[in-house]
Structures are given as C-alpha cells and as structure tokens.
N, C-alpha and C. Protein backbone atom coordinates (compact mmCIF):
# COMPACT_ATOMS: atom_id res chain seq x y z
N MET A 1 7.55 115.68 -56.84
CA MET A 1 8.50 115.17 -55.85
C MET A 1 8.86 113.72 -56.30
N ARG A 2 10.19 113.42 -56.24
CA ARG A 2 10.64 112.07 -56.55
C ARG A 2 10.35 111.12 -55.36
N GLU A 3 10.19 109.86 -55.70
CA GLU A 3 9.90 108.90 -54.61
C GLU A 3 11.03 107.92 -54.43
N VAL A 4 11.27 107.56 -53.20
CA VAL A 4 12.18 106.49 -52.84
C VAL A 4 11.41 105.54 -51.97
N ARG A 5 11.51 104.28 -52.31
CA ARG A 5 10.84 103.26 -51.48
C ARG A 5 11.93 102.70 -50.54
N PHE A 6 11.71 102.81 -49.26
CA PHE A 6 12.67 102.47 -48.25
C PHE A 6 12.26 101.19 -47.58
N VAL A 7 12.95 100.10 -47.94
CA VAL A 7 12.64 98.73 -47.45
C VAL A 7 13.37 98.55 -46.15
N ILE A 8 12.57 98.36 -45.07
CA ILE A 8 13.14 98.23 -43.71
C ILE A 8 12.52 97.00 -43.04
N PRO A 9 13.32 96.06 -42.55
CA PRO A 9 12.82 94.89 -41.87
C PRO A 9 12.65 95.23 -40.40
N GLY A 10 11.63 94.58 -39.79
CA GLY A 10 11.42 94.80 -38.36
C GLY A 10 10.59 96.03 -38.04
N ALA A 11 10.48 96.27 -36.75
CA ALA A 11 9.63 97.42 -36.27
C ALA A 11 10.44 98.68 -36.33
N LEU A 12 10.00 99.63 -37.10
CA LEU A 12 10.66 100.90 -37.35
C LEU A 12 10.74 101.73 -36.03
N ASP A 13 9.84 101.47 -35.05
CA ASP A 13 9.81 102.22 -33.82
C ASP A 13 10.76 101.64 -32.76
N LEU A 14 11.56 100.64 -33.06
CA LEU A 14 12.49 100.10 -32.10
C LEU A 14 13.50 101.17 -31.71
N PRO A 15 13.83 101.28 -30.41
CA PRO A 15 14.75 102.33 -29.92
C PRO A 15 16.22 102.00 -30.12
N THR A 16 16.62 101.75 -31.35
CA THR A 16 18.02 101.50 -31.66
C THR A 16 18.58 102.62 -32.48
N GLY A 17 19.86 102.73 -32.52
CA GLY A 17 20.51 103.76 -33.38
C GLY A 17 20.22 103.56 -34.85
N GLY A 18 20.23 102.30 -35.29
CA GLY A 18 19.96 102.02 -36.70
C GLY A 18 18.55 102.42 -37.11
N TYR A 19 17.52 102.03 -36.28
CA TYR A 19 16.19 102.38 -36.62
C TYR A 19 15.96 103.87 -36.42
N GLY A 20 16.65 104.47 -35.45
CA GLY A 20 16.59 105.95 -35.30
C GLY A 20 17.10 106.62 -36.55
N TYR A 21 18.20 106.16 -37.10
CA TYR A 21 18.74 106.68 -38.33
C TYR A 21 17.75 106.55 -39.50
N ASP A 22 17.13 105.37 -39.62
CA ASP A 22 16.16 105.13 -40.65
C ASP A 22 14.93 106.10 -40.53
N ARG A 23 14.43 106.26 -39.24
CA ARG A 23 13.30 107.16 -39.07
C ARG A 23 13.68 108.64 -39.42
N ARG A 24 14.86 109.01 -39.08
CA ARG A 24 15.31 110.41 -39.35
C ARG A 24 15.42 110.61 -40.84
N LEU A 25 15.95 109.61 -41.54
CA LEU A 25 16.11 109.68 -42.97
C LEU A 25 14.70 109.86 -43.63
N ILE A 26 13.77 109.03 -43.18
CA ILE A 26 12.39 109.15 -43.77
C ILE A 26 11.84 110.52 -43.49
N ALA A 27 12.08 111.09 -42.32
CA ALA A 27 11.55 112.39 -41.94
C ALA A 27 12.25 113.53 -42.75
N GLU A 28 13.51 113.39 -43.03
CA GLU A 28 14.31 114.45 -43.68
C GLU A 28 14.29 114.42 -45.19
N LEU A 29 14.07 113.29 -45.81
CA LEU A 29 14.10 113.21 -47.25
C LEU A 29 13.16 114.19 -47.96
N PRO A 30 11.96 114.45 -47.49
CA PRO A 30 11.08 115.41 -48.19
C PRO A 30 11.71 116.80 -48.36
N ALA A 31 12.52 117.24 -47.43
CA ALA A 31 13.15 118.54 -47.53
C ALA A 31 14.18 118.55 -48.68
N GLN A 32 14.57 117.36 -49.09
CA GLN A 32 15.53 117.20 -50.21
C GLN A 32 14.84 116.88 -51.54
N GLY A 33 13.48 116.97 -51.54
CA GLY A 33 12.73 116.71 -52.73
C GLY A 33 12.37 115.26 -53.00
N TRP A 34 12.47 114.45 -51.96
CA TRP A 34 12.20 113.02 -52.07
C TRP A 34 11.02 112.60 -51.13
N GLU A 35 10.03 111.96 -51.69
CA GLU A 35 9.01 111.36 -50.86
C GLU A 35 9.50 110.00 -50.44
N ALA A 36 9.60 109.77 -49.16
CA ALA A 36 10.09 108.46 -48.66
C ALA A 36 8.90 107.59 -48.28
N ARG A 37 8.77 106.52 -49.03
CA ARG A 37 7.65 105.55 -48.85
C ARG A 37 8.25 104.34 -48.11
N HIS A 38 7.80 104.20 -46.86
CA HIS A 38 8.29 103.06 -46.05
C HIS A 38 7.67 101.80 -46.54
N VAL A 39 8.52 100.81 -46.83
CA VAL A 39 8.04 99.47 -47.22
C VAL A 39 8.53 98.52 -46.09
N PRO A 40 7.63 98.20 -45.17
CA PRO A 40 8.04 97.31 -44.07
C PRO A 40 8.13 95.87 -44.46
N LEU A 41 9.08 95.21 -43.85
CA LEU A 41 9.23 93.75 -43.95
C LEU A 41 9.12 93.23 -42.52
N ALA A 42 8.66 92.05 -42.34
CA ALA A 42 8.61 91.39 -41.04
C ALA A 42 9.99 91.22 -40.51
N GLY A 43 10.11 90.99 -39.17
CA GLY A 43 11.40 90.81 -38.55
C GLY A 43 11.97 89.46 -38.91
N GLY A 44 13.14 89.11 -38.40
CA GLY A 44 13.74 87.81 -38.67
C GLY A 44 15.00 87.97 -39.58
N TRP A 45 15.28 89.12 -39.97
CA TRP A 45 16.49 89.37 -40.79
C TRP A 45 17.67 89.54 -39.88
N PRO A 46 18.86 89.13 -40.27
CA PRO A 46 19.33 88.68 -41.51
C PRO A 46 19.29 87.16 -41.73
N PHE A 47 18.37 86.49 -41.02
CA PHE A 47 18.27 85.07 -41.15
C PHE A 47 16.84 84.77 -41.61
N PRO A 48 16.50 85.12 -42.84
CA PRO A 48 15.09 85.01 -43.35
C PRO A 48 14.74 83.51 -43.61
N ASP A 49 13.49 83.21 -43.33
CA ASP A 49 12.91 81.91 -43.75
C ASP A 49 12.31 82.09 -45.08
N ALA A 50 11.70 81.05 -45.60
CA ALA A 50 11.12 81.14 -46.92
C ALA A 50 10.00 82.21 -47.04
N ALA A 51 9.19 82.34 -45.99
CA ALA A 51 8.15 83.31 -46.05
C ALA A 51 8.71 84.74 -46.08
N LEU A 52 9.73 85.00 -45.32
CA LEU A 52 10.36 86.32 -45.37
C LEU A 52 10.96 86.62 -46.75
N ARG A 53 11.58 85.58 -47.31
CA ARG A 53 12.15 85.77 -48.67
C ARG A 53 11.10 86.06 -49.66
N ARG A 54 9.93 85.42 -49.57
CA ARG A 54 8.86 85.68 -50.51
C ARG A 54 8.32 87.10 -50.29
N GLU A 55 8.22 87.53 -49.05
CA GLU A 55 7.72 88.86 -48.73
C GLU A 55 8.69 89.91 -49.34
N ALA A 56 9.96 89.74 -49.20
CA ALA A 56 10.96 90.65 -49.75
C ALA A 56 10.93 90.67 -51.26
N ALA A 57 10.82 89.51 -51.89
CA ALA A 57 10.75 89.42 -53.33
C ALA A 57 9.49 90.14 -53.82
N ALA A 58 8.39 90.00 -53.15
CA ALA A 58 7.11 90.64 -53.53
C ALA A 58 7.27 92.16 -53.40
N ALA A 59 7.95 92.63 -52.34
CA ALA A 59 8.16 94.08 -52.18
C ALA A 59 8.93 94.63 -53.36
N LEU A 60 9.98 93.92 -53.80
CA LEU A 60 10.75 94.42 -54.96
C LEU A 60 9.92 94.34 -56.23
N ALA A 61 9.16 93.27 -56.37
CA ALA A 61 8.34 93.09 -57.59
C ALA A 61 7.28 94.15 -57.68
N ALA A 62 6.79 94.69 -56.54
CA ALA A 62 5.75 95.65 -56.55
C ALA A 62 6.22 97.02 -56.96
N ALA A 63 7.53 97.28 -56.88
CA ALA A 63 8.09 98.61 -57.28
C ALA A 63 8.04 98.75 -58.84
N PRO A 64 7.60 99.85 -59.31
CA PRO A 64 7.55 100.06 -60.75
C PRO A 64 8.95 100.11 -61.40
N ASP A 65 9.04 99.79 -62.67
CA ASP A 65 10.31 99.89 -63.35
C ASP A 65 10.95 101.25 -63.13
N GLY A 66 12.25 101.26 -62.86
CA GLY A 66 12.98 102.52 -62.67
C GLY A 66 12.86 103.14 -61.27
N ALA A 67 12.11 102.51 -60.41
CA ALA A 67 11.96 103.04 -59.08
C ALA A 67 13.25 103.05 -58.30
N VAL A 68 13.44 104.03 -57.46
CA VAL A 68 14.54 104.04 -56.50
C VAL A 68 14.14 103.30 -55.27
N VAL A 69 14.87 102.23 -54.95
CA VAL A 69 14.55 101.38 -53.79
C VAL A 69 15.83 101.40 -52.90
N LEU A 70 15.64 101.99 -51.71
CA LEU A 70 16.67 102.05 -50.71
C LEU A 70 16.38 100.94 -49.72
N GLY A 71 17.33 100.09 -49.50
CA GLY A 71 17.11 98.98 -48.56
C GLY A 71 18.06 98.97 -47.41
N ASP A 72 17.53 98.83 -46.18
CA ASP A 72 18.33 98.71 -45.04
C ASP A 72 19.16 97.41 -45.12
N GLY A 73 20.42 97.48 -44.81
CA GLY A 73 21.32 96.41 -45.01
C GLY A 73 20.99 95.13 -44.24
N LEU A 74 20.21 95.27 -43.19
CA LEU A 74 19.77 94.10 -42.41
C LEU A 74 19.09 93.12 -43.30
N ALA A 75 18.26 93.65 -44.23
CA ALA A 75 17.57 92.81 -45.24
C ALA A 75 18.37 92.63 -46.52
N PHE A 76 18.79 93.76 -47.06
CA PHE A 76 19.47 93.77 -48.38
C PHE A 76 20.74 92.86 -48.33
N GLY A 77 21.43 92.83 -47.25
CA GLY A 77 22.61 92.02 -47.13
C GLY A 77 22.31 90.53 -47.11
N ALA A 78 21.04 90.18 -46.89
CA ALA A 78 20.69 88.74 -46.79
C ALA A 78 19.77 88.29 -47.90
N MET A 79 19.64 89.11 -48.96
CA MET A 79 18.80 88.74 -50.07
C MET A 79 19.46 88.96 -51.44
N PRO A 80 20.65 88.48 -51.65
CA PRO A 80 21.38 88.81 -52.87
C PRO A 80 20.68 88.31 -54.14
N GLU A 81 20.11 87.15 -54.08
CA GLU A 81 19.45 86.61 -55.29
C GLU A 81 18.38 87.55 -55.76
N ASP A 82 17.53 88.05 -54.80
CA ASP A 82 16.45 88.98 -55.18
C ASP A 82 16.98 90.30 -55.72
N LEU A 83 18.07 90.80 -55.13
CA LEU A 83 18.67 92.03 -55.64
C LEU A 83 19.22 91.81 -57.07
N GLU A 84 19.88 90.65 -57.30
CA GLU A 84 20.40 90.35 -58.62
C GLU A 84 19.29 90.37 -59.67
N ARG A 85 18.19 89.77 -59.33
CA ARG A 85 17.04 89.70 -60.30
C ARG A 85 16.44 91.09 -60.53
N ALA A 86 16.39 91.96 -59.50
CA ALA A 86 15.80 93.27 -59.62
C ALA A 86 16.71 94.35 -60.15
N ALA A 87 18.01 94.09 -60.18
CA ALA A 87 18.98 95.18 -60.49
C ALA A 87 18.79 95.80 -61.83
N ALA A 88 18.40 95.09 -62.84
CA ALA A 88 18.28 95.65 -64.19
C ALA A 88 17.01 96.54 -64.30
N ARG A 89 16.07 96.28 -63.39
CA ARG A 89 14.75 97.01 -63.47
C ARG A 89 14.62 98.12 -62.52
N LEU A 90 15.29 98.06 -61.36
CA LEU A 90 15.19 99.04 -60.33
C LEU A 90 16.49 99.78 -60.05
N ARG A 91 16.43 100.95 -59.47
CA ARG A 91 17.61 101.68 -59.01
C ARG A 91 17.78 101.34 -57.56
N LEU A 92 18.62 100.33 -57.28
CA LEU A 92 18.84 99.81 -55.90
C LEU A 92 19.92 100.51 -55.20
N VAL A 93 19.67 100.90 -53.95
CA VAL A 93 20.63 101.56 -53.11
C VAL A 93 20.64 100.82 -51.77
N ALA A 94 21.77 100.43 -51.26
CA ALA A 94 21.82 99.80 -49.94
C ALA A 94 22.31 100.75 -48.88
N LEU A 95 21.65 100.69 -47.73
CA LEU A 95 22.06 101.44 -46.55
C LEU A 95 22.72 100.45 -45.59
N VAL A 96 24.04 100.63 -45.32
CA VAL A 96 24.76 99.71 -44.47
C VAL A 96 25.22 100.40 -43.22
N HIS A 97 24.63 99.93 -42.09
CA HIS A 97 25.04 100.53 -40.80
C HIS A 97 26.37 99.92 -40.40
N HIS A 98 26.54 98.64 -40.63
CA HIS A 98 27.82 97.91 -40.46
C HIS A 98 27.63 96.54 -41.17
N PRO A 99 28.69 95.98 -41.62
CA PRO A 99 28.59 94.69 -42.28
C PRO A 99 27.91 93.62 -41.39
N LEU A 100 27.00 92.85 -41.96
CA LEU A 100 26.27 91.84 -41.13
C LEU A 100 27.19 90.83 -40.47
N GLY A 101 28.23 90.49 -41.16
CA GLY A 101 29.16 89.50 -40.60
C GLY A 101 30.06 89.98 -39.45
N ASP A 102 29.98 91.35 -39.26
CA ASP A 102 30.78 91.97 -38.15
C ASP A 102 29.97 91.98 -36.85
N GLU A 103 28.73 91.55 -36.87
CA GLU A 103 27.91 91.56 -35.67
C GLU A 103 28.52 90.71 -34.60
N SER A 104 28.47 91.13 -33.36
CA SER A 104 29.10 90.35 -32.29
C SER A 104 28.32 89.10 -32.01
N GLY A 105 28.95 88.06 -31.52
CA GLY A 105 28.33 86.83 -31.16
C GLY A 105 28.23 85.80 -32.32
N LEU A 106 28.74 86.11 -33.46
CA LEU A 106 28.70 85.19 -34.57
C LEU A 106 29.93 84.26 -34.55
N GLY A 107 29.72 83.04 -34.95
CA GLY A 107 30.87 82.16 -35.18
C GLY A 107 31.56 82.53 -36.47
N GLU A 108 32.74 82.00 -36.62
CA GLU A 108 33.54 82.31 -37.84
C GLU A 108 32.84 81.97 -39.15
N ALA A 109 32.23 80.77 -39.17
CA ALA A 109 31.57 80.33 -40.40
C ALA A 109 30.34 81.20 -40.71
N GLU A 110 29.56 81.49 -39.67
CA GLU A 110 28.35 82.33 -39.88
C GLU A 110 28.74 83.71 -40.35
N SER A 111 29.79 84.27 -39.72
CA SER A 111 30.28 85.60 -40.11
C SER A 111 30.72 85.60 -41.58
N ALA A 112 31.44 84.60 -41.94
CA ALA A 112 31.94 84.49 -43.38
C ALA A 112 30.74 84.34 -44.32
N ARG A 113 29.74 83.59 -43.96
CA ARG A 113 28.57 83.37 -44.80
C ARG A 113 27.81 84.69 -44.97
N LEU A 114 27.63 85.46 -43.90
CA LEU A 114 26.94 86.76 -43.96
C LEU A 114 27.73 87.78 -44.79
N ILE A 115 29.05 87.79 -44.64
CA ILE A 115 29.87 88.73 -45.44
C ILE A 115 29.75 88.36 -46.87
N ALA A 116 29.84 87.10 -47.24
CA ALA A 116 29.73 86.69 -48.62
C ALA A 116 28.38 87.02 -49.21
N SER A 117 27.31 86.82 -48.44
CA SER A 117 25.94 87.16 -48.86
C SER A 117 25.81 88.66 -49.12
N GLU A 118 26.32 89.43 -48.15
CA GLU A 118 26.19 90.87 -48.26
C GLU A 118 27.00 91.41 -49.42
N LEU A 119 28.22 90.96 -49.65
CA LEU A 119 29.00 91.40 -50.77
C LEU A 119 28.34 91.08 -52.09
N ARG A 120 27.75 89.90 -52.16
CA ARG A 120 27.03 89.51 -53.41
C ARG A 120 25.88 90.49 -53.65
N GLY A 121 25.11 90.80 -52.58
CA GLY A 121 24.03 91.74 -52.68
C GLY A 121 24.49 93.14 -53.05
N LEU A 122 25.55 93.61 -52.42
CA LEU A 122 26.10 94.96 -52.68
C LEU A 122 26.63 95.04 -54.12
N ALA A 123 27.07 93.96 -54.72
CA ALA A 123 27.51 93.94 -56.12
C ALA A 123 26.34 94.25 -57.09
N ALA A 124 25.12 93.97 -56.61
CA ALA A 124 23.96 94.19 -57.43
C ALA A 124 23.35 95.58 -57.36
N VAL A 125 23.72 96.35 -56.33
CA VAL A 125 23.11 97.64 -56.16
C VAL A 125 23.95 98.74 -56.82
N ARG A 126 23.34 99.89 -57.08
CA ARG A 126 24.05 100.97 -57.76
C ARG A 126 24.92 101.80 -56.85
N GLU A 127 24.41 101.98 -55.61
CA GLU A 127 25.12 102.77 -54.61
C GLU A 127 25.05 102.12 -53.29
N VAL A 128 25.98 102.43 -52.42
CA VAL A 128 25.99 102.00 -51.06
C VAL A 128 26.15 103.23 -50.18
N VAL A 129 25.22 103.39 -49.27
CA VAL A 129 25.30 104.48 -48.30
C VAL A 129 25.69 103.86 -46.97
N CYS A 130 26.75 104.41 -46.34
CA CYS A 130 27.21 103.91 -45.08
C CYS A 130 27.00 104.99 -44.01
N THR A 131 26.79 104.57 -42.76
CA THR A 131 26.54 105.49 -41.73
C THR A 131 27.80 105.96 -41.03
N SER A 132 28.98 105.49 -41.41
CA SER A 132 30.22 105.92 -40.80
C SER A 132 31.37 105.74 -41.80
N HIS A 133 32.41 106.55 -41.60
CA HIS A 133 33.64 106.38 -42.40
C HIS A 133 34.27 105.01 -42.16
N ALA A 134 34.18 104.52 -40.90
CA ALA A 134 34.77 103.17 -40.57
C ALA A 134 34.08 102.12 -41.39
N THR A 135 32.75 102.21 -41.46
CA THR A 135 32.02 101.16 -42.26
C THR A 135 32.37 101.30 -43.73
N GLY A 136 32.52 102.50 -44.23
CA GLY A 136 32.92 102.69 -45.61
C GLY A 136 34.28 102.07 -45.85
N ARG A 137 35.23 102.29 -44.97
CA ARG A 137 36.54 101.71 -45.15
C ARG A 137 36.52 100.14 -45.04
N ARG A 138 35.68 99.70 -44.14
CA ARG A 138 35.55 98.23 -44.00
C ARG A 138 35.05 97.61 -45.28
N LEU A 139 34.00 98.29 -45.89
CA LEU A 139 33.42 97.73 -47.11
C LEU A 139 34.45 97.81 -48.27
N GLU A 140 35.21 98.92 -48.31
CA GLU A 140 36.26 99.04 -49.31
C GLU A 140 37.30 97.87 -49.16
N GLY A 141 37.64 97.60 -47.90
CA GLY A 141 38.54 96.53 -47.67
C GLY A 141 38.02 95.16 -48.04
N LEU A 142 36.68 95.03 -48.08
CA LEU A 142 36.06 93.79 -48.48
C LEU A 142 35.86 93.73 -50.00
N GLY A 143 36.19 94.83 -50.67
CA GLY A 143 36.13 94.83 -52.16
C GLY A 143 35.04 95.70 -52.79
N VAL A 144 34.21 96.43 -52.01
CA VAL A 144 33.22 97.28 -52.58
C VAL A 144 33.97 98.52 -53.13
N PRO A 145 33.81 98.89 -54.38
CA PRO A 145 34.54 100.02 -54.97
C PRO A 145 34.23 101.34 -54.23
N ALA A 146 35.21 102.11 -53.89
CA ALA A 146 35.04 103.36 -53.18
C ALA A 146 34.11 104.29 -53.89
N GLU A 147 34.12 104.31 -55.20
CA GLU A 147 33.28 105.25 -56.01
C GLU A 147 31.80 104.92 -55.85
N ARG A 148 31.42 103.79 -55.33
CA ARG A 148 30.03 103.39 -55.12
C ARG A 148 29.59 103.64 -53.70
N ILE A 149 30.47 104.10 -52.84
CA ILE A 149 30.16 104.30 -51.43
C ILE A 149 30.01 105.77 -51.14
N THR A 150 28.94 106.09 -50.40
CA THR A 150 28.71 107.43 -49.90
C THR A 150 28.55 107.29 -48.37
N VAL A 151 29.30 108.11 -47.63
CA VAL A 151 29.25 108.10 -46.21
C VAL A 151 28.28 109.22 -45.72
N ALA A 152 27.27 108.83 -45.00
CA ALA A 152 26.31 109.82 -44.39
C ALA A 152 26.15 109.56 -42.96
N PRO A 153 27.12 110.12 -42.14
CA PRO A 153 27.01 109.79 -40.70
C PRO A 153 25.81 110.50 -40.06
N PRO A 154 25.32 109.92 -39.02
CA PRO A 154 24.16 110.49 -38.30
C PRO A 154 24.63 111.80 -37.64
N GLY A 155 23.71 112.68 -37.48
CA GLY A 155 24.03 113.92 -36.71
C GLY A 155 23.50 113.82 -35.33
N THR A 156 23.37 114.91 -34.67
CA THR A 156 22.79 114.90 -33.39
C THR A 156 21.60 115.90 -33.36
N ALA A 157 20.59 115.53 -32.65
CA ALA A 157 19.39 116.39 -32.61
C ALA A 157 19.66 117.51 -31.61
N PRO A 158 19.24 118.73 -31.94
CA PRO A 158 19.36 119.83 -31.00
C PRO A 158 18.57 119.54 -29.71
N ARG A 159 19.09 120.02 -28.64
CA ARG A 159 18.34 119.80 -27.34
C ARG A 159 17.09 120.62 -27.34
C-alpha cells in the first residue's frame, strides 16, 4: 500500500466542515490503496509563530525522499519557504478548502499578504486539490494553472 502523509494543523476532531473533510479523506484513502498517515501540527495557523514554523519544517524534514505529503491549506498556505525547500525532495500536494485571504474578518492588507503567501506556496507543490469548483475557479483567477487543480467536492453521508 502506498503512503500519504497528511499534514493537518489544529485538532482533527474539531466539528467543522474542513476538519470533517480531512477526517473523511483519511478514512477513505485506504480503499483507494493509500495508507493515510496523519501528521498533526499545533494550532495557530495561518499565523504561525517561530515555534510552529520549526514544527512544520521538522514534519517535512522527517518525510523520506519521494514521499507524498498532502498538506491542509491552513498550514501549507502559510509556509511557502518550507514548501520551496522541500519541493525537489517530496511530492507535495496542497488541499485548499478556500484561499486563506478570502476568510471573513480580514483587513485588505492582511488578506493580500495571505493570498501572496498561499500563491507562493502553491507554486511549490505538484498538485492542488480543491473542495469546490468555486475554489478551483478562484485559484485559477489568482494564477494557479488549471491543469494542476483537481476538484474533489465533499459528498454526503448516508443517513
């Protein structure tokens, strides 16, 4: 079975749609021939302090050469330097629920800074998985090449 290391910041058991998507992906990947190895990062993303940045860099450094590393966009969008350093050695894939700079409550400057950071990080990854067609279109509009985007919308669980 192939392995994917899934880097997720914060508590995976939080009752949000994004974390629910991540949990479901971890649960379903084995049926597709992939062992999903959860690599947790502490919370505080997308505004990491120096300790969080070191933790994320160590998580990437711990992956063996050629490993597939799927990163939740909450962290991957805020760590472009680490992704650039790891890109030649790892098969990086970003999971984008929505662009970080599109989060409500951000000022114009903060939104622009997060968009720039995320685009720089996405330029370093091989593939981008989006959870909606709207997010895919938004990323295309920001300059991410369409051929690097895969849309994988969430489904619904049977009652």
